[in-house]
Amino acid sequence: MKKFLAAAALAVAAVTMSAQPALAVETGDFYASGIGPGPSDAITSAEKVARLYARNTGWLDSQCYVRGSDVRSHFYYYSATVWLYCQR
């Protein structure tokens, strides 16, 4: 019986030791501003700049998405700020 318990304990220890550690998740936040003649144009402009910042630090476009945006109206144009969130 003692041999069986010792073998079982060794088997559990071997499985526990071979388990993969939890992978760390890296995230990044990028903010950028842009302007345009309409609200969607301003957001698109700001998103392009934010994605450029992200690419320059090693992020892929597929790893990032727009998490939020803020559009302001001015006399003859719109301005926008975009929050790009990246995760890998």
N, C-alpha and C. Protein backbone atom coordinates (compact mmCIF):
# COMPACT_ATOMS: atom_id res chain seq x y z
N MET A 1 0.82 -1.19 0.00
CA MET A 1 0.00 0.00 0.00
C MET A 1 0.87 1.26 0.00
N LYS A 2 1.97 1.20 0.80
CA LYS A 2 2.85 2.36 0.86
C LYS A 2 3.50 2.61 -0.50
N LYS A 3 3.86 1.52 -1.20
CA LYS A 3 4.46 1.66 -2.52
C LYS A 3 3.47 2.30 -3.49
N PHE A 4 2.21 1.87 -3.40
CA PHE A 4 1.18 2.43 -4.28
C PHE A 4 0.99 3.92 -4.02
N LEU A 5 0.92 4.34 -2.77
CA LEU A 5 0.76 5.75 -2.43
C LEU A 5 1.97 6.57 -2.87
N ALA A 6 3.15 6.01 -2.71
CA ALA A 6 4.37 6.71 -3.14
C ALA A 6 4.38 6.88 -4.65
N ALA A 7 3.97 5.84 -5.38
CA ALA A 7 3.92 5.91 -6.84
C ALA A 7 2.88 6.94 -7.29
N ALA A 8 1.75 6.96 -6.61
CA ALA A 8 0.70 7.93 -6.95
C ALA A 8 1.17 9.35 -6.69
N ALA A 9 1.87 9.54 -5.57
CA ALA A 9 2.38 10.88 -5.24
C ALA A 9 3.41 11.32 -6.27
N LEU A 10 4.27 10.42 -6.71
CA LEU A 10 5.26 10.74 -7.74
C LEU A 10 4.58 11.08 -9.07
N ALA A 11 3.53 10.36 -9.41
CA ALA A 11 2.81 10.63 -10.65
C ALA A 11 2.16 12.02 -10.62
N VAL A 12 1.55 12.36 -9.48
CA VAL A 12 0.94 13.68 -9.33
C VAL A 12 2.01 14.77 -9.40
N ALA A 13 3.15 14.54 -8.77
CA ALA A 13 4.24 15.52 -8.80
C ALA A 13 4.77 15.69 -10.21
N ALA A 14 4.87 14.61 -10.98
CA ALA A 14 5.36 14.70 -12.35
C ALA A 14 4.39 15.49 -13.22
N VAL A 15 3.10 15.26 -13.05
CA VAL A 15 2.11 16.00 -13.83
C VAL A 15 2.13 17.47 -13.44
N THR A 16 2.24 17.74 -12.15
CA THR A 16 2.25 19.12 -11.67
C THR A 16 3.48 19.86 -12.20
N MET A 17 4.62 19.21 -12.20
CA MET A 17 5.85 19.85 -12.65
C MET A 17 5.86 20.06 -14.15
N SER A 18 5.15 19.22 -14.93
CA SER A 18 5.17 19.35 -16.38
C SER A 18 4.11 20.32 -16.89
N ALA A 19 3.24 20.80 -16.02
CA ALA A 19 2.19 21.74 -16.44
C ALA A 19 2.82 23.04 -16.92
N GLN A 20 2.27 23.61 -17.97
CA GLN A 20 2.77 24.86 -18.53
C GLN A 20 2.39 26.03 -17.63
N PRO A 21 3.30 26.96 -17.43
CA PRO A 21 2.95 28.15 -16.65
C PRO A 21 1.96 29.02 -17.42
N ALA A 22 1.21 29.80 -16.70
CA ALA A 22 0.24 30.70 -17.34
C ALA A 22 0.99 31.72 -18.19
N LEU A 23 0.49 31.95 -19.39
CA LEU A 23 1.14 32.89 -20.29
C LEU A 23 0.76 34.32 -19.93
N ALA A 24 1.72 35.19 -19.98
CA ALA A 24 1.47 36.60 -19.71
C ALA A 24 0.88 37.25 -20.95
N VAL A 25 -0.02 38.18 -20.76
CA VAL A 25 -0.65 38.90 -21.86
C VAL A 25 -0.08 40.31 -21.87
N GLU A 26 0.37 40.73 -23.03
CA GLU A 26 0.91 42.08 -23.18
C GLU A 26 -0.16 42.96 -23.82
N THR A 27 -0.34 44.14 -23.28
CA THR A 27 -1.32 45.06 -23.83
C THR A 27 -0.66 46.41 -24.12
N GLY A 28 -1.29 47.15 -24.99
CA GLY A 28 -0.79 48.48 -25.31
C GLY A 28 -1.95 49.42 -25.59
N ASP A 29 -1.82 50.66 -25.19
CA ASP A 29 -2.82 51.70 -25.44
C ASP A 29 -2.17 52.80 -26.25
N PHE A 30 -2.85 53.23 -27.30
CA PHE A 30 -2.34 54.30 -28.15
C PHE A 30 -3.45 55.31 -28.38
N TYR A 31 -3.12 56.57 -28.22
CA TYR A 31 -4.08 57.65 -28.42
C TYR A 31 -3.57 58.55 -29.53
N ALA A 32 -4.47 59.00 -30.37
CA ALA A 32 -4.07 59.91 -31.45
C ALA A 32 -5.25 60.81 -31.80
N SER A 33 -4.93 61.94 -32.42
CA SER A 33 -5.95 62.90 -32.85
C SER A 33 -5.90 63.04 -34.35
N GLY A 34 -7.03 63.43 -34.91
CA GLY A 34 -7.10 63.67 -36.34
C GLY A 34 -8.21 64.65 -36.65
N ILE A 35 -8.20 65.17 -37.87
CA ILE A 35 -9.24 66.10 -38.29
C ILE A 35 -9.79 65.66 -39.64
N GLY A 36 -10.97 66.16 -39.98
CA GLY A 36 -11.58 65.85 -41.26
C GLY A 36 -12.82 66.69 -41.48
N PRO A 37 -13.35 66.67 -42.71
CA PRO A 37 -14.54 67.45 -43.02
C PRO A 37 -15.82 66.89 -42.40
N GLY A 38 -15.79 65.63 -41.99
CA GLY A 38 -16.94 65.00 -41.34
C GLY A 38 -16.49 64.18 -40.16
N PRO A 39 -17.43 63.77 -39.31
CA PRO A 39 -17.07 63.00 -38.12
C PRO A 39 -16.32 61.70 -38.43
N SER A 40 -16.80 60.93 -39.40
CA SER A 40 -16.14 59.66 -39.71
C SER A 40 -14.76 59.88 -40.31
N ASP A 41 -14.60 60.97 -41.07
CA ASP A 41 -13.29 61.30 -41.64
C ASP A 41 -12.29 61.62 -40.53
N ALA A 42 -12.73 62.34 -39.52
CA ALA A 42 -11.85 62.69 -38.40
C ALA A 42 -11.45 61.44 -37.62
N ILE A 43 -12.39 60.53 -37.41
CA ILE A 43 -12.09 59.29 -36.70
C ILE A 43 -11.12 58.44 -37.51
N THR A 44 -11.35 58.33 -38.81
CA THR A 44 -10.45 57.56 -39.67
C THR A 44 -9.04 58.13 -39.65
N SER A 45 -8.94 59.44 -39.69
CA SER A 45 -7.64 60.11 -39.65
C SER A 45 -6.92 59.82 -38.34
N ALA A 46 -7.63 59.92 -37.23
CA ALA A 46 -7.02 59.66 -35.92
C ALA A 46 -6.63 58.19 -35.78
N GLU A 47 -7.46 57.30 -36.30
CA GLU A 47 -7.15 55.87 -36.22
C GLU A 47 -5.88 55.53 -37.01
N LYS A 48 -5.72 56.15 -38.17
CA LYS A 48 -4.51 55.92 -38.98
C LYS A 48 -3.26 56.31 -38.20
N VAL A 49 -3.32 57.43 -37.51
CA VAL A 49 -2.17 57.89 -36.73
C VAL A 49 -1.90 56.95 -35.56
N ALA A 50 -2.96 56.53 -34.87
CA ALA A 50 -2.79 55.61 -33.73
C ALA A 50 -2.21 54.28 -34.19
N ARG A 51 -2.67 53.77 -35.33
CA ARG A 51 -2.12 52.51 -35.86
C ARG A 51 -0.67 52.68 -36.28
N LEU A 52 -0.31 53.84 -36.77
CA LEU A 52 1.09 54.11 -37.11
C LEU A 52 1.96 54.05 -35.86
N TYR A 53 1.49 54.67 -34.78
CA TYR A 53 2.22 54.59 -33.50
C TYR A 53 2.38 53.14 -33.06
N ALA A 54 1.28 52.37 -33.15
CA ALA A 54 1.32 50.97 -32.72
C ALA A 54 2.29 50.15 -33.58
N ARG A 55 2.22 50.33 -34.89
CA ARG A 55 3.13 49.61 -35.79
C ARG A 55 4.59 49.94 -35.50
N ASN A 56 4.86 51.19 -35.19
CA ASN A 56 6.23 51.61 -34.92
C ASN A 56 6.79 51.00 -33.64
N THR A 57 5.93 50.48 -32.79
CA THR A 57 6.40 49.83 -31.56
C THR A 57 6.24 48.31 -31.63
N GLY A 58 5.97 47.78 -32.83
CA GLY A 58 5.96 46.33 -33.02
C GLY A 58 4.62 45.63 -32.99
N TRP A 59 3.53 46.36 -32.92
CA TRP A 59 2.21 45.73 -32.90
C TRP A 59 1.72 45.51 -34.32
N LEU A 60 0.96 44.44 -34.52
CA LEU A 60 0.32 44.16 -35.80
C LEU A 60 -1.09 44.76 -35.80
N ASP A 61 -1.59 45.11 -36.99
CA ASP A 61 -2.94 45.67 -37.08
C ASP A 61 -3.98 44.69 -36.53
N SER A 62 -3.75 43.41 -36.74
CA SER A 62 -4.71 42.40 -36.28
C SER A 62 -4.75 42.28 -34.75
N GLN A 63 -3.77 42.82 -34.06
CA GLN A 63 -3.72 42.74 -32.60
C GLN A 63 -4.37 43.97 -31.95
N CYS A 64 -4.85 44.92 -32.75
CA CYS A 64 -5.36 46.19 -32.21
C CYS A 64 -6.77 46.47 -32.72
N TYR A 65 -7.54 47.14 -31.89
CA TYR A 65 -8.86 47.61 -32.31
C TYR A 65 -9.19 48.92 -31.60
N VAL A 66 -10.11 49.66 -32.21
CA VAL A 66 -10.51 50.95 -31.63
C VAL A 66 -11.43 50.66 -30.45
N ARG A 67 -11.02 51.14 -29.30
CA ARG A 67 -11.80 50.92 -28.09
C ARG A 67 -12.71 52.10 -27.78
N GLY A 68 -12.32 53.27 -28.25
CA GLY A 68 -13.15 54.44 -28.00
C GLY A 68 -12.73 55.61 -28.87
N SER A 69 -13.66 56.53 -29.06
CA SER A 69 -13.35 57.73 -29.82
C SER A 69 -14.21 58.88 -29.34
N ASP A 70 -13.71 60.08 -29.57
CA ASP A 70 -14.42 61.29 -29.17
C ASP A 70 -14.33 62.27 -30.34
N VAL A 71 -15.48 62.75 -30.79
CA VAL A 71 -15.52 63.67 -31.93
C VAL A 71 -16.01 65.03 -31.46
N ARG A 72 -15.36 66.06 -31.94
CA ARG A 72 -15.74 67.44 -31.63
C ARG A 72 -16.02 68.19 -32.93
N SER A 73 -17.05 69.01 -32.91
CA SER A 73 -17.40 69.81 -34.06
C SER A 73 -16.80 71.21 -33.92
N HIS A 74 -16.21 71.69 -35.00
CA HIS A 74 -15.67 73.05 -35.04
C HIS A 74 -16.39 73.79 -36.18
N PHE A 75 -16.02 75.02 -36.45
CA PHE A 75 -16.76 75.79 -37.46
C PHE A 75 -16.78 75.13 -38.83
N TYR A 76 -15.63 74.70 -39.34
CA TYR A 76 -15.58 74.16 -40.69
C TYR A 76 -14.99 72.76 -40.77
N TYR A 77 -14.76 72.12 -39.65
CA TYR A 77 -14.18 70.77 -39.65
C TYR A 77 -14.52 70.06 -38.35
N TYR A 78 -14.17 68.79 -38.29
CA TYR A 78 -14.36 67.98 -37.09
C TYR A 78 -12.98 67.50 -36.62
N SER A 79 -12.84 67.35 -35.32
CA SER A 79 -11.62 66.76 -34.77
C SER A 79 -12.03 65.53 -33.96
N ALA A 80 -11.13 64.56 -33.91
CA ALA A 80 -11.43 63.33 -33.18
C ALA A 80 -10.18 62.85 -32.45
N THR A 81 -10.43 62.19 -31.34
CA THR A 81 -9.39 61.50 -30.60
C THR A 81 -9.79 60.03 -30.56
N VAL A 82 -8.84 59.14 -30.83
CA VAL A 82 -9.12 57.71 -30.87
C VAL A 82 -8.24 57.00 -29.86
N TRP A 83 -8.83 56.02 -29.18
CA TRP A 83 -8.12 55.15 -28.26
C TRP A 83 -8.00 53.79 -28.93
N LEU A 84 -6.77 53.38 -29.26
CA LEU A 84 -6.50 52.09 -29.87
C LEU A 84 -5.96 51.17 -28.80
N TYR A 85 -6.58 50.02 -28.64
CA TYR A 85 -6.18 49.04 -27.63
C TYR A 85 -5.58 47.83 -28.34
N CYS A 86 -4.40 47.40 -27.91
CA CYS A 86 -3.72 46.27 -28.52
C CYS A 86 -3.45 45.20 -27.46
N GLN A 87 -3.51 43.92 -27.90
CA GLN A 87 -3.28 42.81 -26.98
C GLN A 87 -2.64 41.66 -27.74
N ARG A 88 -1.61 41.06 -27.12
CA ARG A 88 -0.97 39.85 -27.69
C ARG A 88 -0.56 38.92 -26.58
